[in-house]
Amino acid sequence: MDEPDTPERRGRLSRPRVLAAAVALVDREGLTALTMRRLATDLGVEPMAIYRYTSSKEALLDGLVEAFFSEVNDRLRTTADTDAGPSRDPVGAPVGILPWRAELRRIARAFAAVVHAHREILPVVATRPLAVPVARRPAPALQLTEHILAVLGRAGFDDATALTIYRAFVAWNLGRLLVDKRQVVDDPDEPDLLLRLGLHRLPAAEYPRLRALVPKFAEYDEEQELIAGLDSLLNRMPEPPLDSFYDGSAR
């Protein structure tokens, strides 16, 4: 008897397709909905077919990270920098934002855009590195790390300073996105601000500052906060040699 004519048998199943389906499922229903059986159902195949492309639930979580960073890297390859590029005045002094700072801004913007497209995946992106050694992390994540370190190296930072800036940049970027304005919304369909943010659940006498400031969490200008926060962070870092300039080559 011939085997059933399934998508897997027709050769339509692949690792990119499996990961895309996993991302779509998590986007729709959250991480708790992601199981091998449910993913197989969405793809129209038997659960065993999934194991050819991701060997376990843990490997599937790594696959989400892989898909996330692939999208960040794709965005960096296809989007232009909106900050002014490097230039010099007639006597040779740098003008405008330093190129390495402009590139970190561009990376932060790309990362934030992918987070907003796949918000439910952010906790996995933030926590999987705690369980996976560097050498075993998905290639797209390693490629972004390599790119950031290369940018800092070309700027003239020594290895120790480059690592300090890298760690600070990653920690700040993840922390900023984890503490996001959308997390303060209690009922997104409620038009009244007090009820939408759930402030009626907080006794005014016990939480006066929270009741006063939570609305501001929900109304801030994200682009302005991103640039102001990143600049404030980088202003505390050592500067590279004045005659060292990033070569401006795109990813």
Protein backbone atom coordinates (compact mmCIF):
# COMPACT_ATOMS: atom_id res chain seq x y z
CA MET A 1 0.00 0.00 0.00
CA ASP A 2 1.32 3.46 -0.88
CA GLU A 3 2.13 5.91 1.91
CA PRO A 4 -0.31 8.81 2.46
CA ASP A 5 0.34 11.87 0.30
CA THR A 6 1.38 14.21 3.12
CA PRO A 7 3.25 17.54 2.86
CA GLU A 8 6.24 15.77 4.43
CA ARG A 9 6.21 13.03 1.77
CA ARG A 10 5.93 15.61 -1.00
CA GLY A 11 9.11 17.21 0.28
CA ARG A 12 7.46 20.46 1.37
CA LEU A 13 8.55 20.22 5.01
CA SER A 14 11.86 21.83 5.89
CA ARG A 15 13.54 23.32 8.94
CA PRO A 16 12.75 26.93 7.91
CA ARG A 17 9.09 25.96 7.41
CA VAL A 18 8.94 24.18 10.77
CA LEU A 19 10.46 27.17 12.56
CA ALA A 20 8.20 29.62 10.73
CA ALA A 21 5.17 27.61 11.84
CA ALA A 22 6.48 27.54 15.42
CA VAL A 23 6.95 31.31 15.41
CA ALA A 24 3.47 31.84 13.99
CA LEU A 25 1.94 29.56 16.63
CA VAL A 26 3.71 31.38 19.47
CA ASP A 27 2.74 34.76 18.01
CA ARG A 28 -0.93 33.71 18.00
CA GLU A 29 -1.24 31.75 21.22
CA GLY A 30 1.89 32.19 23.34
CA LEU A 31 4.67 29.87 24.39
CA THR A 32 2.39 27.59 26.39
CA ALA A 33 0.68 26.50 23.15
CA LEU A 34 3.94 25.32 21.58
CA THR A 35 4.17 21.53 21.66
CA MET A 36 5.50 19.10 19.08
CA ARG A 37 2.02 17.63 18.62
CA ARG A 38 0.34 21.01 18.14
CA LEU A 39 3.05 22.15 15.74
CA ALA A 40 2.65 18.95 13.73
CA THR A 41 -1.10 19.57 13.56
CA ASP A 42 -0.54 23.09 12.24
CA LEU A 43 1.80 21.71 9.59
CA GLY A 44 -0.52 18.84 8.67
CA VAL A 45 2.01 16.10 9.44
CA GLU A 46 2.54 13.40 12.03
CA PRO A 47 4.48 14.49 15.16
CA MET A 48 7.39 12.19 14.31
CA ALA A 49 7.97 14.18 11.13
CA ILE A 50 8.84 17.25 13.23
CA TYR A 51 11.66 15.40 14.99
CA ARG A 52 13.60 15.22 11.73
CA TYR A 53 14.06 18.99 11.91
CA THR A 54 14.10 19.71 15.64
CA SER A 55 14.90 16.84 17.98
CA SER A 56 13.13 17.97 21.18
CA LYS A 57 11.14 20.75 22.81
CA GLU A 58 14.42 22.30 24.01
CA ALA A 59 15.77 22.22 20.47
CA LEU A 60 12.54 23.83 19.31
CA LEU A 61 13.10 26.70 21.74
CA ASP A 62 16.57 27.13 20.28
CA GLY A 63 14.86 27.15 16.90
CA LEU A 64 12.71 30.09 17.97
CA VAL A 65 15.89 31.95 18.93
CA GLU A 66 17.40 31.01 15.57
CA ALA A 67 14.37 32.34 13.69
CA PHE A 68 14.32 35.52 15.78
CA PHE A 69 17.95 36.41 15.12
CA SER A 70 17.66 35.45 11.46
CA GLU A 71 14.95 38.08 11.17
CA VAL A 72 17.08 40.67 12.98
CA ASN A 73 20.01 39.98 10.65
CA ASP A 74 17.76 40.11 7.58
CA ARG A 75 16.44 43.46 8.73
CA LEU A 76 19.97 44.79 9.20
CA ARG A 77 20.88 43.68 5.69
CA THR A 78 17.86 45.34 4.09
CA THR A 79 17.34 48.54 6.08
CA ALA A 80 19.42 51.68 5.86
CA ASP A 81 20.87 53.61 8.78
CA THR A 82 18.72 56.65 9.57
CA ASP A 83 21.52 58.43 11.47
CA ALA A 84 24.03 60.67 9.78
CA GLY A 85 27.06 58.87 8.45
CA PRO A 86 30.67 59.65 9.33
CA SER A 87 32.21 62.88 8.08
CA ARG A 88 34.94 65.34 8.98
CA ASP A 89 35.10 69.10 9.07
CA PRO A 90 37.83 70.94 7.08
CA VAL A 91 40.38 70.51 9.88
CA GLY A 92 39.75 66.79 10.22
CA ALA A 93 37.56 66.64 13.35
CA PRO A 94 34.68 64.17 13.37
CA VAL A 95 31.25 65.65 12.66
CA GLY A 96 27.95 64.19 13.90
CA ILE A 97 27.40 60.87 15.60
CA LEU A 98 30.37 58.52 15.60
CA PRO A 99 29.81 55.63 13.16
CA TRP A 100 30.10 52.87 15.77
CA ARG A 101 27.39 54.57 17.81
CA ALA A 102 25.21 54.96 14.72
CA GLU A 103 25.55 51.23 14.05
CA LEU A 104 24.58 50.30 17.61
CA ARG A 105 21.52 52.51 17.21
CA ARG A 106 20.64 50.69 13.99
CA ILE A 107 21.05 47.31 15.66
CA ALA A 108 18.89 48.38 18.62
CA ARG A 109 16.17 49.58 16.24
CA ALA A 110 16.23 46.34 14.25
CA PHE A 111 16.13 44.24 17.42
CA ALA A 112 13.19 46.23 18.78
CA ALA A 113 11.28 45.93 15.51
CA VAL A 114 11.57 42.14 15.55
CA VAL A 115 10.58 42.01 19.24
CA HIS A 116 7.44 43.99 18.48
CA ALA A 117 6.61 41.59 15.65
CA HIS A 118 7.16 38.53 17.87
CA ARG A 119 6.65 39.75 21.42
CA GLU A 120 5.94 36.31 22.90
CA ILE A 121 9.38 35.06 21.85
CA LEU A 122 11.33 37.73 23.78
CA PRO A 123 11.45 35.76 27.07
CA VAL A 124 13.04 32.84 25.22
CA VAL A 125 15.57 35.13 23.54
CA ALA A 126 16.43 36.63 26.93
CA THR A 127 16.72 33.35 28.88
CA ARG A 128 17.99 30.64 26.50
CA PRO A 129 21.59 31.91 26.66
CA LEU A 130 21.54 30.94 30.35
CA ALA A 131 21.09 27.29 29.34
CA VAL A 132 23.12 27.10 26.11
CA PRO A 133 26.92 27.55 25.91
CA VAL A 134 28.14 30.16 23.43
CA ALA A 135 29.52 27.63 20.95
CA ARG A 136 26.16 25.82 20.76
CA ARG A 137 23.96 28.85 20.20
CA PRO A 138 22.18 29.28 16.85
CA ALA A 139 24.37 30.65 14.08
CA PRO A 140 22.25 33.79 13.49
CA ALA A 141 22.69 34.80 17.17
CA LEU A 142 26.43 34.25 16.93
CA GLN A 143 26.56 36.24 13.69
CA LEU A 144 24.94 39.27 15.32
CA THR A 145 27.35 39.03 18.27
CA GLU A 146 30.29 38.79 15.87
CA HIS A 147 29.02 41.84 13.99
CA ILE A 148 28.71 43.96 17.14
CA LEU A 149 32.19 42.99 18.31
CA ALA A 150 33.60 43.69 14.84
CA VAL A 151 32.01 47.16 14.84
CA LEU A 152 33.62 47.93 18.20
CA GLY A 153 36.94 46.49 17.08
CA ARG A 154 36.99 48.62 13.93
CA ALA A 155 36.18 51.65 16.07
CA GLY A 156 39.50 51.13 17.85
CA PHE A 157 38.40 49.67 21.19
CA ASP A 158 40.67 47.11 22.80
CA ASP A 159 39.22 43.66 23.49
CA ALA A 160 38.39 44.28 27.16
CA THR A 161 36.59 47.56 26.42
CA ALA A 162 34.74 46.07 23.46
CA LEU A 163 33.42 43.26 25.67
CA THR A 164 32.36 45.75 28.36
CA ILE A 165 30.41 47.81 25.82
CA TYR A 166 28.92 44.68 24.25
CA ARG A 167 27.67 43.33 27.57
CA ALA A 168 26.24 46.70 28.59
CA PHE A 169 24.53 47.15 25.21
CA VAL A 170 22.92 43.69 25.24
CA ALA A 171 21.81 43.95 28.87
CA TRP A 172 20.33 47.42 28.36
CA ASN A 173 18.58 46.47 25.13
CA LEU A 174 16.96 43.34 26.55
CA GLY A 175 16.04 45.05 29.83
CA ARG A 176 14.42 47.99 28.04
CA LEU A 177 12.27 45.70 25.92
CA LEU A 178 11.29 43.41 28.80
CA VAL A 179 10.06 46.45 30.76
CA ASP A 180 7.77 47.53 27.95
CA LYS A 181 4.77 49.83 27.88
CA ARG A 182 2.44 47.09 26.59
CA GLN A 183 3.01 45.05 29.73
CA VAL A 184 1.13 47.61 31.80
CA VAL A 185 -2.11 47.15 29.83
CA ASP A 186 -4.65 45.09 31.80
CA ASP A 187 -7.57 45.18 29.33
CA PRO A 188 -6.61 46.35 25.80
CA ASP A 189 -10.25 46.62 24.72
CA GLU A 190 -11.24 49.00 27.53
CA PRO A 191 -11.43 52.65 26.32
CA ASP A 192 -11.14 54.20 29.79
CA LEU A 193 -7.45 54.65 30.65
CA LEU A 194 -7.88 53.85 34.35
CA LEU A 195 -9.66 50.59 33.58
CA ARG A 196 -7.46 49.73 30.59
CA LEU A 197 -4.37 49.86 32.79
CA GLY A 198 -6.13 48.12 35.68
CA LEU A 199 -5.32 50.93 38.10
CA HIS A 200 -8.62 50.37 39.88
CA ARG A 201 -7.01 47.17 41.21
CA LEU A 202 -4.34 49.17 43.07
CA PRO A 203 -5.51 50.84 46.31
CA ALA A 204 -4.63 54.53 46.02
CA ALA A 205 -3.47 54.75 49.63
CA GLU A 206 -1.01 51.88 49.24
CA TYR A 207 0.35 52.56 45.75
CA PRO A 208 0.17 56.32 45.10
CA ARG A 209 3.33 56.48 42.98
CA LEU A 210 2.40 53.48 40.84
CA ARG A 211 -1.04 54.90 40.16
CA ALA A 212 0.52 58.21 39.18
CA LEU A 213 3.28 56.84 36.97
CA VAL A 214 1.83 53.75 35.27
CA PRO A 215 -0.03 55.94 32.70
CA LYS A 216 3.33 57.45 31.74
CA PHE A 217 4.70 53.94 31.14
CA ALA A 218 1.95 53.49 28.55
CA GLU A 219 2.46 56.81 26.76
CA TYR A 220 6.20 57.29 26.29
CA ASP A 221 7.81 57.88 22.87
CA GLU A 222 9.59 54.61 22.23
CA GLU A 223 11.99 55.90 19.57
CA GLN A 224 12.98 58.84 21.75
CA GLU A 225 13.46 56.57 24.76
CA LEU A 226 15.56 54.16 22.71
CA ILE A 227 17.96 56.82 21.44
CA ALA A 228 18.13 58.77 24.72
CA GLY A 229 18.70 55.63 26.77
CA LEU A 230 21.34 54.23 24.43
CA ASP A 231 23.19 57.54 24.23
CA SER A 232 23.13 57.86 28.02
CA LEU A 233 24.60 54.38 28.33
CA LEU A 234 27.31 54.90 25.71
CA ASN A 235 28.25 58.31 27.13
CA ARG A 236 29.52 56.42 30.19
CA MET A 237 31.78 54.20 28.11
CA PRO A 238 35.38 54.96 27.12
CA GLU A 239 35.82 56.63 23.74
CA PRO A 240 37.92 55.02 20.98
CA PRO A 241 41.01 56.83 19.62
CA LEU A 242 39.98 60.03 17.82
CA ASP A 243 41.65 58.92 14.59
CA SER A 244 39.83 55.58 14.53
CA PHE A 245 36.75 55.40 12.32
CA TYR A 246 34.45 52.54 11.40
CA ASP A 247 34.81 51.85 7.68
CA GLY A 248 31.08 52.20 7.03
CA SER A 249 30.65 48.86 5.27
CA ALA A 250 27.11 47.45 5.56
CA ARG A 251 26.23 44.00 6.74
